[in-house]
Amino acid sequence: MEHHMSEDDTRRLDKDIHVRAHFDRMTRTYLLTVLSDELIEEHRNGDAGHTSEPLARLLAWCQRRPLIEQYAVKAESDGTFRLIRFTGRRGDRPLYVGDERFSTLQEARHGAFLRHISDLTEK
């Protein structure tokens, strides 16, 4: 059974995309004002249960990004960790992000965090 979108459905989706894009721009603007070496160091030191509000907001932004813009950590057979990205297409294997290997899960998570920051500051 095929379902064709009505003109109202299409308009609603267009508005949703516009609102999400506006919210993302506002969030990015805020995050750029609080981004600092201290905030990055707070994440590197890693007390996940007690983060500052700016770090919590930055982490929430990282988690809300579309799947193809997020990073994941993959454990390798040699005990190291690498960063991967998903393609967003069912059946496609994730892609490695760079050649860097991390010795601990925390280091790999921080590496993913730094990638998100790079994405934030480049746009």
PDB file of N, CA and C in Angstrom:
ATOM      1  N   MET A   1       0.846  -1.185   0.000  1.00  0.00           N
ATOM      2  CA  MET A   1       0.000   0.000   0.000  1.00  0.00           C
ATOM      3  C   MET A   1       0.889   1.245   0.000  1.00  0.00           C
ATOM      4  N   GLU A   2       0.727   2.039  -1.012  1.00  0.00           N
ATOM      5  CA  GLU A   2       1.517   3.270  -1.104  1.00  0.00           C
ATOM      6  C   GLU A   2       0.815   4.390  -0.353  1.00  0.00           C
ATOM      7  N   HIS A   3       1.646   5.225   0.270  1.00  0.00           N
ATOM      8  CA  HIS A   3       1.100   6.385   0.958  1.00  0.00           C
ATOM      9  C   HIS A   3       1.770   7.617   0.382  1.00  0.00           C
ATOM     10  N   HIS A   4       0.961   8.479  -0.186  1.00  0.00           N
ATOM     11  CA  HIS A   4       1.482   9.736  -0.732  1.00  0.00           C
ATOM     12  C   HIS A   4       1.203  10.833   0.280  1.00  0.00           C
ATOM     13  N   MET A   5       2.190  11.703   0.458  1.00  0.00           N
ATOM     14  CA  MET A   5       2.032  12.790   1.421  1.00  0.00           C
ATOM     15  C   MET A   5       1.153  13.875   0.823  1.00  0.00           C
ATOM     16  N   SER A   6       0.268  14.369   1.662  1.00  0.00           N
ATOM     17  CA  SER A   6      -0.572  15.473   1.224  1.00  0.00           C
ATOM     18  C   SER A   6       0.232  16.765   1.256  1.00  0.00           C
ATOM     19  N   GLU A   7      -0.322  17.788   0.688  1.00  0.00           N
ATOM     20  CA  GLU A   7       0.349  19.092   0.691  1.00  0.00           C
ATOM     21  C   GLU A   7       0.504  19.605   2.118  1.00  0.00           C
ATOM     22  N   ASP A   8      -0.498  19.348   2.979  1.00  0.00           N
ATOM     23  CA  ASP A   8      -0.410  19.759   4.392  1.00  0.00           C
ATOM     24  C   ASP A   8       0.721  19.028   5.105  1.00  0.00           C
ATOM     25  N   ASP A   9       0.862  17.720   4.813  1.00  0.00           N
ATOM     26  CA  ASP A   9       1.951  16.949   5.417  1.00  0.00           C
ATOM     27  C   ASP A   9       3.297  17.516   5.003  1.00  0.00           C
ATOM     28  N   THR A  10       3.430  17.844   3.752  1.00  0.00           N
ATOM     29  CA  THR A  10       4.679  18.393   3.234  1.00  0.00           C
ATOM     30  C   THR A  10       4.984  19.734   3.889  1.00  0.00           C
ATOM     31  N   ARG A  11       3.979  20.586   4.024  1.00  0.00           N
ATOM     32  CA  ARG A  11       4.180  21.890   4.680  1.00  0.00           C
ATOM     33  C   ARG A  11       4.604  21.714   6.129  1.00  0.00           C
ATOM     34  N   ARG A  12       3.974  20.757   6.808  1.00  0.00           N
ATOM     35  CA  ARG A  12       4.297  20.498   8.208  1.00  0.00           C
ATOM     36  C   ARG A  12       5.750  20.030   8.338  1.00  0.00           C
ATOM     37  N   LEU A  13       6.186  19.150   7.450  1.00  0.00           N
ATOM     38  CA  LEU A  13       7.575  18.686   7.468  1.00  0.00           C
ATOM     39  C   LEU A  13       8.545  19.831   7.186  1.00  0.00           C
ATOM     40  N   ASP A  14       8.212  20.687   6.236  1.00  0.00           N
ATOM     41  CA  ASP A  14       9.055  21.842   5.940  1.00  0.00           C
ATOM     42  C   ASP A  14       9.190  22.743   7.164  1.00  0.00           C
ATOM     43  N   LYS A  15       8.091  22.975   7.875  1.00  0.00           N
ATOM     44  CA  LYS A  15       8.129  23.805   9.079  1.00  0.00           C
ATOM     45  C   LYS A  15       8.974  23.136  10.151  1.00  0.00           C
ATOM     46  N   ASP A  16       8.840  21.819  10.293  1.00  0.00           N
ATOM     47  CA  ASP A  16       9.611  21.083  11.280  1.00  0.00           C
ATOM     48  C   ASP A  16      11.099  21.208  10.991  1.00  0.00           C
ATOM     49  N   ILE A  17      11.491  21.053   9.741  1.00  0.00           N
ATOM     50  CA  ILE A  17      12.896  21.181   9.353  1.00  0.00           C
ATOM     51  C   ILE A  17      13.392  22.589   9.647  1.00  0.00           C
ATOM     52  N   HIS A  18      12.570  23.596   9.345  1.00  0.00           N
ATOM     53  CA  HIS A  18      12.948  24.991   9.592  1.00  0.00           C
ATOM     54  C   HIS A  18      13.143  25.247  11.092  1.00  0.00           C
ATOM     55  N   VAL A  19      12.215  24.766  11.905  1.00  0.00           N
ATOM     56  CA  VAL A  19      12.304  24.971  13.356  1.00  0.00           C
ATOM     57  C   VAL A  19      13.526  24.259  13.920  1.00  0.00           C
ATOM     58  N   ARG A  20      13.779  23.034  13.496  1.00  0.00           N
ATOM     59  CA  ARG A  20      14.951  22.298  13.972  1.00  0.00           C
ATOM     60  C   ARG A  20      16.246  23.003  13.581  1.00  0.00           C
ATOM     61  N   ALA A  21      16.317  23.508  12.367  1.00  0.00           N
ATOM     62  CA  ALA A  21      17.511  24.218  11.909  1.00  0.00           C
ATOM     63  C   ALA A  21      17.721  25.494  12.734  1.00  0.00           C
ATOM     64  N   HIS A  22      16.637  26.206  13.018  1.00  0.00           N
ATOM     65  CA  HIS A  22      16.724  27.425  13.836  1.00  0.00           C
ATOM     66  C   HIS A  22      17.205  27.084  15.244  1.00  0.00           C
ATOM     67  N   PHE A  23      16.639  26.029  15.845  1.00  0.00           N
ATOM     68  CA  PHE A  23      17.039  25.610  17.182  1.00  0.00           C
ATOM     69  C   PHE A  23      18.510  25.207  17.192  1.00  0.00           C
ATOM     70  N   ASP A  24      18.952  24.501  16.157  1.00  0.00           N
ATOM     71  CA  ASP A  24      20.349  24.083  16.084  1.00  0.00           C
ATOM     72  C   ASP A  24      21.277  25.288  15.979  1.00  0.00           C
ATOM     73  N   ARG A  25      20.896  26.289  15.179  1.00  0.00           N
ATOM     74  CA  ARG A  25      21.716  27.508  15.067  1.00  0.00           C
ATOM     75  C   ARG A  25      21.815  28.220  16.422  1.00  0.00           C
ATOM     76  N   MET A  26      20.701  28.331  17.130  1.00  0.00           N
ATOM     77  CA  MET A  26      20.708  28.986  18.442  1.00  0.00           C
ATOM     78  C   MET A  26      21.570  28.198  19.434  1.00  0.00           C
ATOM     79  N   THR A  27      21.448  26.887  19.411  1.00  0.00           N
ATOM     80  CA  THR A  27      22.225  26.045  20.313  1.00  0.00           C
ATOM     81  C   THR A  27      23.716  26.169  20.012  1.00  0.00           C
ATOM     82  N   ARG A  28      24.077  26.118  18.732  1.00  0.00           N
ATOM     83  CA  ARG A  28      25.484  26.261  18.345  1.00  0.00           C
ATOM     84  C   ARG A  28      26.045  27.611  18.804  1.00  0.00           C
ATOM     85  N   THR A  29      25.268  28.653  18.629  1.00  0.00           N
ATOM     86  CA  THR A  29      25.708  29.985  19.051  1.00  0.00           C
ATOM     87  C   THR A  29      26.002  29.993  20.544  1.00  0.00           C
ATOM     88  N   TYR A  30      25.098  29.425  21.347  1.00  0.00           N
ATOM     89  CA  TYR A  30      25.313  29.348  22.801  1.00  0.00           C
ATOM     90  C   TYR A  30      26.557  28.524  23.115  1.00  0.00           C
ATOM     91  N   LEU A  31      26.666  27.342  22.504  1.00  0.00           N
ATOM     92  CA  LEU A  31      27.788  26.451  22.815  1.00  0.00           C
ATOM     93  C   LEU A  31      29.124  27.096  22.486  1.00  0.00           C
ATOM     94  N   LEU A  32      29.172  27.861  21.417  1.00  0.00           N
ATOM     95  CA  LEU A  32      30.423  28.540  21.064  1.00  0.00           C
ATOM     96  C   LEU A  32      30.806  29.579  22.113  1.00  0.00           C
ATOM     97  N   THR A  33      29.813  30.150  22.815  1.00  0.00           N
ATOM     98  CA  THR A  33      30.123  31.150  23.853  1.00  0.00           C
ATOM     99  C   THR A  33      30.665  30.497  25.126  1.00  0.00           C
ATOM    100  N   VAL A  34      30.318  29.239  25.378  1.00  0.00           N
ATOM    101  CA  VAL A  34      30.776  28.582  26.614  1.00  0.00           C
ATOM    102  C   VAL A  34      31.956  27.640  26.378  1.00  0.00           C
ATOM    103  N   LEU A  35      32.277  27.397  25.129  1.00  0.00           N
ATOM    104  CA  LEU A  35      33.375  26.487  24.812  1.00  0.00           C
ATOM    105  C   LEU A  35      34.693  27.091  25.286  1.00  0.00           C
ATOM    106  N   SER A  36      35.442  26.310  26.037  1.00  0.00           N
ATOM    107  CA  SER A  36      36.716  26.798  26.575  1.00  0.00           C
ATOM    108  C   SER A  36      37.631  25.604  26.833  1.00  0.00           C
ATOM    109  N   ASP A  37      38.897  25.918  27.068  1.00  0.00           N
ATOM    110  CA  ASP A  37      39.854  24.861  27.420  1.00  0.00           C
ATOM    111  C   ASP A  37      39.443  24.180  28.726  1.00  0.00           C
ATOM    112  N   GLU A  38      38.879  24.962  29.643  1.00  0.00           N
ATOM    113  CA  GLU A  38      38.443  24.396  30.925  1.00  0.00           C
ATOM    114  C   GLU A  38      37.303  23.394  30.727  1.00  0.00           C
ATOM    115  N   LEU A  39      36.394  23.701  29.812  1.00  0.00           N
ATOM    116  CA  LEU A  39      35.272  22.801  29.537  1.00  0.00           C
ATOM    117  C   LEU A  39      35.788  21.496  28.911  1.00  0.00           C
ATOM    118  N   ILE A  40      36.729  21.606  28.005  1.00  0.00           N
ATOM    119  CA  ILE A  40      37.321  20.417  27.383  1.00  0.00           C
ATOM    120  C   ILE A  40      38.061  19.593  28.435  1.00  0.00           C
ATOM    121  N   GLU A  41      38.774  20.271  29.322  1.00  0.00           N
ATOM    122  CA  GLU A  41      39.500  19.577  30.390  1.00  0.00           C
ATOM    123  C   GLU A  41      38.527  18.897  31.356  1.00  0.00           C
ATOM    124  N   GLU A  42      37.404  19.546  31.629  1.00  0.00           N
ATOM    125  CA  GLU A  42      36.383  18.933  32.487  1.00  0.00           C
ATOM    126  C   GLU A  42      35.914  17.611  31.884  1.00  0.00           C
ATOM    127  N   HIS A  43      35.709  17.592  30.578  1.00  0.00           N
ATOM    128  CA  HIS A  43      35.291  16.342  29.927  1.00  0.00           C
ATOM    129  C   HIS A  43      36.414  15.308  29.961  1.00  0.00           C
ATOM    130  N   ARG A  44      37.631  15.745  29.706  1.00  0.00           N
ATOM    131  CA  ARG A  44      38.763  14.810  29.696  1.00  0.00           C
ATOM    132  C   ARG A  44      38.937  14.136  31.053  1.00  0.00           C
ATOM    133  N   ASN A  45      38.744  14.909  32.125  1.00  0.00           N
ATOM    134  CA  ASN A  45      38.888  14.359  33.478  1.00  0.00           C
ATOM    135  C   ASN A  45      37.752  13.411  33.827  1.00  0.00           C
ATOM    136  N   GLY A  46      36.604  13.590  33.179  1.00  0.00           N
ATOM    137  CA  GLY A  46      35.514  12.646  33.163  1.00  0.00           C
ATOM    138  C   GLY A  46      34.819  12.234  34.427  1.00  0.00           C
ATOM    139  N   ASP A  47      34.089  13.106  35.069  1.00  0.00           N
ATOM    140  CA  ASP A  47      33.176  12.716  36.142  1.00  0.00           C
ATOM    141  C   ASP A  47      31.769  12.838  35.561  1.00  0.00           C
ATOM    142  N   ALA A  48      31.313  11.787  34.890  1.00  0.00           N
ATOM    143  CA  ALA A  48      30.050  11.827  34.152  1.00  0.00           C
ATOM    144  C   ALA A  48      28.847  12.153  35.031  1.00  0.00           C
ATOM    145  N   GLY A  49      28.914  11.850  36.297  1.00  0.00           N
ATOM    146  CA  GLY A  49      27.783  12.097  37.177  1.00  0.00           C
ATOM    147  C   GLY A  49      27.664  13.540  37.633  1.00  0.00           C
ATOM    148  N   HIS A  50      28.732  14.303  37.521  1.00  0.00           N
ATOM    149  CA  HIS A  50      28.726  15.673  38.034  1.00  0.00           C
ATOM    150  C   HIS A  50      29.323  16.629  37.016  1.00  0.00           C
ATOM    151  N   THR A  51      28.593  16.857  35.934  1.00  0.00           N
ATOM    152  CA  THR A  51      29.093  17.783  34.916  1.00  0.00           C
ATOM    153  C   THR A  51      28.498  19.166  35.129  1.00  0.00           C
ATOM    154  N   SER A  52      29.227  20.160  34.685  1.00  0.00           N
ATOM    155  CA  SER A  52      28.714  21.527  34.736  1.00  0.00           C
ATOM    156  C   SER A  52      27.562  21.648  33.744  1.00  0.00           C
ATOM    157  N   GLU A  53      26.769  22.687  33.910  1.00  0.00           N
ATOM    158  CA  GLU A  53      25.652  22.900  32.981  1.00  0.00           C
ATOM    159  C   GLU A  53      26.133  23.099  31.542  1.00  0.00           C
ATOM    160  N   PRO A  54      27.165  23.924  31.300  1.00  0.00           N
ATOM    161  CA  PRO A  54      27.624  24.069  29.908  1.00  0.00           C
ATOM    162  C   PRO A  54      28.076  22.739  29.295  1.00  0.00           C
ATOM    163  N   LEU A  55      28.788  21.915  30.065  1.00  0.00           N
ATOM    164  CA  LEU A  55      29.229  20.626  29.520  1.00  0.00           C
ATOM    165  C   LEU A  55      28.028  19.715  29.277  1.00  0.00           C
ATOM    166  N   ALA A  56      27.071  19.726  30.174  1.00  0.00           N
ATOM    167  CA  ALA A  56      25.865  18.905  29.990  1.00  0.00           C
ATOM    168  C   ALA A  56      25.125  19.322  28.717  1.00  0.00           C
ATOM    169  N   ARG A  57      25.054  20.616  28.460  1.00  0.00           N
ATOM    170  CA  ARG A  57      24.385  21.091  27.238  1.00  0.00           C
ATOM    171  C   ARG A  57      25.158  20.688  25.985  1.00  0.00           C
ATOM    172  N   LEU A  58      26.478  20.771  26.061  1.00  0.00           N
ATOM    173  CA  LEU A  58      27.300  20.373  24.921  1.00  0.00           C
ATOM    174  C   LEU A  58      27.148  18.874  24.648  1.00  0.00           C
ATOM    175  N   LEU A  59      27.156  18.069  25.696  1.00  0.00           N
ATOM    176  CA  LEU A  59      26.984  16.625  25.528  1.00  0.00           C
ATOM    177  C   LEU A  59      25.600  16.298  24.974  1.00  0.00           C
ATOM    178  N   ALA A  60      24.588  17.024  25.422  1.00  0.00           N
ATOM    179  CA  ALA A  60      23.228  16.801  24.910  1.00  0.00           C
ATOM    180  C   ALA A  60      23.170  17.132  23.420  1.00  0.00           C
ATOM    181  N   TRP A  61      23.840  18.212  23.011  1.00  0.00           N
ATOM    182  CA  TRP A  61      23.876  18.566  21.586  1.00  0.00           C
ATOM    183  C   TRP A  61      24.550  17.451  20.783  1.00  0.00           C
ATOM    184  N   CYS A  62      25.642  16.908  21.315  1.00  0.00           N
ATOM    185  CA  CYS A  62      26.344  15.821  20.626  1.00  0.00           C
ATOM    186  C   CYS A  62      25.411  14.624  20.426  1.00  0.00           C
ATOM    187  N   GLN A  63      24.634  14.306  21.425  1.00  0.00           N
ATOM    188  CA  GLN A  63      23.749  13.141  21.364  1.00  0.00           C
ATOM    189  C   GLN A  63      22.531  13.374  20.487  1.00  0.00           C
ATOM    190  N   ARG A  64      22.127  14.624  20.310  1.00  0.00           N
ATOM    191  CA  ARG A  64      20.942  14.936  19.491  1.00  0.00           C
ATOM    192  C   ARG A  64      21.259  15.086  18.010  1.00  0.00           C
ATOM    193  N   ARG A  65      22.525  15.098  17.664  1.00  0.00           N
ATOM    194  CA  ARG A  65      22.888  15.266  16.261  1.00  0.00           C
ATOM    195  C   ARG A  65      22.343  14.092  15.444  1.00  0.00           C
ATOM    196  N   PRO A  66      22.099  14.316  14.160  1.00  0.00           N
ATOM    197  CA  PRO A  66      21.653  13.198  13.315  1.00  0.00           C
ATOM    198  C   PRO A  66      22.665  12.054  13.364  1.00  0.00           C
ATOM    199  N   LEU A  67      22.182  10.844  13.202  1.00  0.00           N
ATOM    200  CA  LEU A  67      23.025   9.657  13.322  1.00  0.00           C
ATOM    201  C   LEU A  67      24.289   9.754  12.467  1.00  0.00           C
ATOM    202  N   ILE A  68      24.175  10.258  11.259  1.00  0.00           N
ATOM    203  CA  ILE A  68      25.348  10.307  10.380  1.00  0.00           C
ATOM    204  C   ILE A  68      26.364  11.367  10.808  1.00  0.00           C
ATOM    205  N   GLU A  69      26.004  12.211  11.786  1.00  0.00           N
ATOM    206  CA  GLU A  69      26.929  13.224  12.304  1.00  0.00           C
ATOM    207  C   GLU A  69      27.467  12.853  13.673  1.00  0.00           C
ATOM    208  N   GLN A  70      27.121  11.672  14.162  1.00  0.00           N
ATOM    209  CA  GLN A  70      27.592  11.245  15.471  1.00  0.00           C
ATOM    210  C   GLN A  70      28.788  10.314  15.328  1.00  0.00           C
ATOM    211  N   TYR A  71      29.484  10.130  16.426  1.00  0.00           N
ATOM    212  CA  TYR A  71      30.638   9.239  16.477  1.00  0.00           C
ATOM    213  C   TYR A  71      30.344   8.141  17.479  1.00  0.00           C
ATOM    214  N   ALA A  72      30.897   6.986  17.218  1.00  0.00           N
ATOM    215  CA  ALA A  72      30.766   5.860  18.141  1.00  0.00           C
ATOM    216  C   ALA A  72      32.158   5.282  18.364  1.00  0.00           C
ATOM    217  N   VAL A  73      32.284   4.495  19.426  1.00  0.00           N
ATOM    218  CA  VAL A  73      33.551   3.862  19.767  1.00  0.00           C
ATOM    219  C   VAL A  73      33.433   2.374  19.474  1.00  0.00           C
ATOM    220  N   LYS A  74      34.434   1.847  18.783  1.00  0.00           N
ATOM    221  CA  LYS A  74      34.456   0.418  18.457  1.00  0.00           C
ATOM    222  C   LYS A  74      35.672  -0.208  19.132  1.00  0.00           C
ATOM    223  N   ALA A  75      35.429  -1.280  19.886  1.00  0.00           N
ATOM    224  CA  ALA A  75      36.525  -2.022  20.503  1.00  0.00           C
ATOM    225  C   ALA A  75      37.159  -2.923  19.449  1.00  0.00           C
ATOM    226  N   GLU A  76      38.460  -2.868  19.333  1.00  0.00           N
ATOM    227  CA  GLU A  76      39.188  -3.686  18.374  1.00  0.00           C
ATOM    228  C   GLU A  76      39.682  -4.962  19.057  1.00  0.00           C
ATOM    229  N   SER A  77      40.027  -5.964  18.261  1.00  0.00           N
ATOM    230  CA  SER A  77      40.454  -7.252  18.797  1.00  0.00           C
ATOM    231  C   SER A  77      41.773  -7.166  19.566  1.00  0.00           C
ATOM    232  N   ASP A  78      42.575  -6.132  19.300  1.00  0.00           N
ATOM    233  CA  ASP A  78      43.856  -5.984  20.005  1.00  0.00           C
ATOM    234  C   ASP A  78      43.721  -5.223  21.329  1.00  0.00           C
ATOM    235  N   GLY A  79      42.479  -4.904  21.720  1.00  0.00           N
ATOM    236  CA  GLY A  79      42.255  -4.219  22.992  1.00  0.00           C
ATOM    237  C   GLY A  79      42.229  -2.707  22.890  1.00  0.00           C
ATOM    238  N   THR A  80      42.464  -2.168  21.709  1.00  0.00           N
ATOM    239  CA  THR A  80      42.389  -0.719  21.529  1.00  0.00           C
ATOM    240  C   THR A  80      40.979  -0.337  21.093  1.00  0.00           C
ATOM    241  N   PHE A  81      40.757   0.955  20.989  1.00  0.00           N
ATOM    242  CA  PHE A  81      39.457   1.485  20.586  1.00  0.00           C
ATOM    243  C   PHE A  81      39.653   2.442  19.424  1.00  0.00           C
ATOM    244  N   ARG A  82      38.681   2.449  18.520  1.00  0.00           N
ATOM    245  CA  ARG A  82      38.720   3.364  17.377  1.00  0.00           C
ATOM    246  C   ARG A  82      37.370   4.050  17.238  1.00  0.00           C
ATOM    247  N   LEU A  83      37.384   5.210  16.589  1.00  0.00           N
ATOM    248  CA  LEU A  83      36.147   5.941  16.337  1.00  0.00           C
ATOM    249  C   LEU A  83      35.564   5.510  14.999  1.00  0.00           C
ATOM    250  N   ILE A  84      34.235   5.402  14.976  1.00  0.00           N
ATOM    251  CA  ILE A  84      33.524   5.071  13.746  1.00  0.00           C
ATOM    252  C   ILE A  84      32.365   6.037  13.565  1.00  0.00           C
ATOM    253  N   ARG A  85      31.856   6.073  12.348  1.00  0.00           N
ATOM    254  CA  ARG A  85      30.656   6.837  11.993  1.00  0.00           C
ATOM    255  C   ARG A  85      29.730   5.908  11.233  1.00  0.00           C
ATOM    256  N   PHE A  86      28.449   6.129  11.412  1.00  0.00           N
ATOM    257  CA  PHE A  86      27.455   5.354  10.687  1.00  0.00           C
ATOM    258  C   PHE A  86      27.094   6.086   9.399  1.00  0.00           C
ATOM    259  N   THR A  87      26.783   5.331   8.375  1.00  0.00           N
ATOM    260  CA  THR A  87      26.476   5.930   7.072  1.00  0.00           C
ATOM    261  C   THR A  87      25.040   6.420   7.004  1.00  0.00           C
ATOM    262  N   GLY A  88      24.179   5.854   7.833  1.00  0.00           N
ATOM    263  CA  GLY A  88      22.768   6.223   7.776  1.00  0.00           C
ATOM    264  C   GLY A  88      21.987   5.378   6.784  1.00  0.00           C
ATOM    265  N   ARG A  89      22.664   4.431   6.154  1.00  0.00           N
ATOM    266  CA  ARG A  89      21.996   3.539   5.197  1.00  0.00           C
ATOM    267  C   ARG A  89      22.017   2.121   5.743  1.00  0.00           C
ATOM    268  N   ARG A  90      20.853   1.527   5.831  1.00  0.00           N
ATOM    269  CA  ARG A  90      20.725   0.175   6.350  1.00  0.00           C
ATOM    270  C   ARG A  90      21.596  -0.781   5.544  1.00  0.00           C
ATOM    271  N   GLY A  91      22.322  -1.628   6.257  1.00  0.00           N
ATOM    272  CA  GLY A  91      23.163  -2.623   5.609  1.00  0.00           C
ATOM    273  C   GLY A  91      24.586  -2.169   5.335  1.00  0.00           C
ATOM    274  N   ASP A  92      24.835  -0.860   5.362  1.00  0.00           N
ATOM    275  CA  ASP A  92      26.195  -0.359   5.143  1.00  0.00           C
ATOM    276  C   ASP A  92      26.989  -0.449   6.440  1.00  0.00           C
ATOM    277  N   ARG A  93      28.212  -0.873   6.325  1.00  0.00           N
ATOM    278  CA  ARG A  93      29.086  -0.957   7.497  1.00  0.00           C
ATOM    279  C   ARG A  93      29.483   0.452   7.960  1.00  0.00           C
ATOM    280  N   PRO A  94      29.680   0.603   9.262  1.00  0.00           N
ATOM    281  CA  PRO A  94      30.198   1.889   9.748  1.00  0.00           C
ATOM    282  C   PRO A  94      31.580   2.159   9.158  1.00  0.00           C
ATOM    283  N   LEU A  95      31.936   3.419   9.109  1.00  0.00           N
ATOM    284  CA  LEU A  95      33.228   3.831   8.556  1.00  0.00           C
ATOM    285  C   LEU A  95      34.153   4.262   9.694  1.00  0.00           C
ATOM    286  N   TYR A  96      35.426   3.871   9.596  1.00  0.00           N
ATOM    287  CA  TYR A  96      36.391   4.332  10.586  1.00  0.00           C
ATOM    288  C   TYR A  96      36.638   5.821  10.393  1.00  0.00           C
ATOM    289  N   VAL A  97      36.841   6.518  11.493  1.00  0.00           N
ATOM    290  CA  VAL A  97      37.162   7.946  11.471  1.00  0.00           C
ATOM    291  C   VAL A  97      38.640   8.065  11.812  1.00  0.00           C
ATOM    292  N   GLY A  98      39.454   8.247  10.811  1.00  0.00           N
ATOM    293  CA  GLY A  98      40.891   8.366  11.031  1.00  0.00           C
ATOM    294  C   GLY A  98      41.531   7.041  11.406  1.00  0.00           C
ATOM    295  N   ASP A  99      42.825   7.104  11.675  1.00  0.00           N
ATOM    296  CA  ASP A  99      43.600   5.905  12.018  1.00  0.00           C
ATOM    297  C   ASP A  99      43.934   5.826  13.502  1.00  0.00           C
ATOM    298  N   GLU A 100      43.563   6.846  14.253  1.00  0.00           N
ATOM    299  CA  GLU A 100      43.952   6.908  15.659  1.00  0.00           C
ATOM    300  C   GLU A 100      43.339   5.766  16.455  1.00  0.00           C
ATOM    301  N   ARG A 101      44.162   5.186  17.322  1.00  0.00           N
ATOM    302  CA  ARG A 101      43.710   4.136  18.238  1.00  0.00           C
ATOM    303  C   ARG A 101      43.883   4.654  19.659  1.00  0.00           C
ATOM    304  N   PHE A 102      42.937   4.324  20.499  1.00  0.00           N
ATOM    305  CA  PHE A 102      42.937   4.779  21.889  1.00  0.00           C
ATOM    306  C   PHE A 102      43.135   3.571  22.793  1.00  0.00           C
ATOM    307  N   SER A 103      43.878   3.769  23.871  1.00  0.00           N
ATOM    308  CA  SER A 103      44.166   2.635  24.750  1.00  0.00           C
ATOM    309  C   SER A 103      43.058   2.379  25.764  1.00  0.00           C
ATOM    310  N   THR A 104      42.240   3.391  26.046  1.00  0.00           N
ATOM    311  CA  THR A 104      41.133   3.186  26.991  1.00  0.00           C
ATOM    312  C   THR A 104      39.824   3.691  26.389  1.00  0.00           C
ATOM    313  N   LEU A 105      38.739   3.185  26.918  1.00  0.00           N
ATOM    314  CA  LEU A 105      37.418   3.624  26.474  1.00  0.00           C
ATOM    315  C   LEU A 105      37.225   5.112  26.757  1.00  0.00           C
ATOM    316  N   GLN A 106      37.674   5.582  27.921  1.00  0.00           N
ATOM    317  CA  GLN A 106      37.534   7.003  28.270  1.00  0.00           C
ATOM    318  C   GLN A 106      38.288   7.886  27.283  1.00  0.00           C
ATOM    319  N   GLU A 107      39.498   7.470  26.891  1.00  0.00           N
ATOM    320  CA  GLU A 107      40.259   8.250  25.909  1.00  0.00           C
ATOM    321  C   GLU A 107      39.529   8.288  24.570  1.00  0.00           C
ATOM    322  N   ALA A 108      38.940   7.169  24.175  1.00  0.00           N
ATOM    323  CA  ALA A 108      38.199   7.119  22.909  1.00  0.00           C
ATOM    324  C   ALA A 108      36.967   8.013  22.974  1.00  0.00           C
ATOM    325  N   ARG A 109      36.256   7.982  24.085  1.00  0.00           N
ATOM    326  CA  ARG A 109      35.079   8.857  24.232  1.00  0.00           C
ATOM    327  C   ARG A 109      35.482  10.318  24.179  1.00  0.00           C
ATOM    328  N   HIS A 110      36.606  10.644  24.780  1.00  0.00           N
ATOM    329  CA  HIS A 110      37.083  12.027  24.725  1.00  0.00           C
ATOM    330  C   HIS A 110      37.486  12.379  23.290  1.00  0.00           C
ATOM    331  N   GLY A 111      38.067  11.422  22.570  1.00  0.00           N
ATOM    332  CA  GLY A 111      38.398  11.647  21.164  1.00  0.00           C
ATOM    333  C   GLY A 111      37.151  11.953  20.347  1.00  0.00           C
ATOM    334  N   ALA A 112      36.059  11.235  20.613  1.00  0.00           N
ATOM    335  CA  ALA A 112      34.787  11.503  19.929  1.00  0.00           C
ATOM    336  C   ALA A 112      34.284  12.888  20.297  1.00  0.00           C
ATOM    337  N   PHE A 113      34.396  13.251  21.562  1.00  0.00           N
ATOM    338  CA  PHE A 113      33.989  14.575  22.042  1.00  0.00           C
ATOM    339  C   PHE A 113      34.761  15.665  21.296  1.00  0.00           C
ATOM    340  N   LEU A 114      36.071  15.470  21.134  1.00  0.00           N
ATOM    341  CA  LEU A 114      36.885  16.459  20.418  1.00  0.00           C
ATOM    342  C   LEU A 114      36.468  16.560  18.954  1.00  0.00           C
ATOM    343  N   ARG A 115      36.059  15.458  18.364  1.00  0.00           N
ATOM    344  CA  ARG A 115      35.555  15.488  16.975  1.00  0.00           C
ATOM    345  C   ARG A 115      34.283  16.323  16.889  1.00  0.00           C
ATOM    346  N   HIS A 116      33.399  16.154  17.871  1.00  0.00           N
ATOM    347  CA  HIS A 116      32.166  16.956  17.899  1.00  0.00           C
ATOM    348  C   HIS A 116      32.504  18.442  18.015  1.00  0.00           C
ATOM    349  N   ILE A 117      33.468  18.765  18.857  1.00  0.00           N
ATOM    350  CA  ILE A 117      33.873  20.168  19.021  1.00  0.00           C
ATOM    351  C   ILE A 117      34.437  20.701  17.705  1.00  0.00           C
ATOM    352  N   SER A 118      35.208  19.901  17.030  1.00  0.00           N
ATOM    353  CA  SER A 118      35.736  20.307  15.733  1.00  0.00           C
ATOM    354  C   SER A 118      34.595  20.575  14.751  1.00  0.00           C
ATOM    355  N   ASP A 119      33.601  19.703  14.743  1.00  0.00           N
ATOM    356  CA  ASP A 119      32.435  19.905  13.880  1.00  0.00           C
ATOM    357  C   ASP A 119      31.703  21.196  14.250  1.00  0.00           C
ATOM    358  N   LEU A 120      31.580  21.449  15.541  1.00  0.00           N
ATOM    359  CA  LEU A 120      30.878  22.650  16.028  1.00  0.00           C
ATOM    360  C   LEU A 120      31.590  23.921  15.584  1.00  0.00           C
ATOM    361  N   THR A 121      32.894  23.931  15.665  1.00  0.00           N
ATOM    362  CA  THR A 121      33.638  25.168  15.389  1.00  0.00           C
ATOM    363  C   THR A 121      33.899  25.382  13.907  1.00  0.00           C
ATOM    364  N   GLU A 122      33.734  24.335  13.092  1.00  0.00           N
ATOM    365  CA  GLU A 122      33.978  24.468  11.655  1.00  0.00           C
ATOM    366  C   GLU A 122      32.784  25.004  10.892  1.00  0.00           C
ATOM    367  N   LYS A 123      31.596  24.896  11.432  1.00  0.00           N
ATOM    368  CA  LYS A 123      30.380  25.291  10.668  1.00  0.00           C
ATOM    369  C   LYS A 123      30.029  26.722  10.899  1.00  0.00           C
TER     370      LYS A 123
END
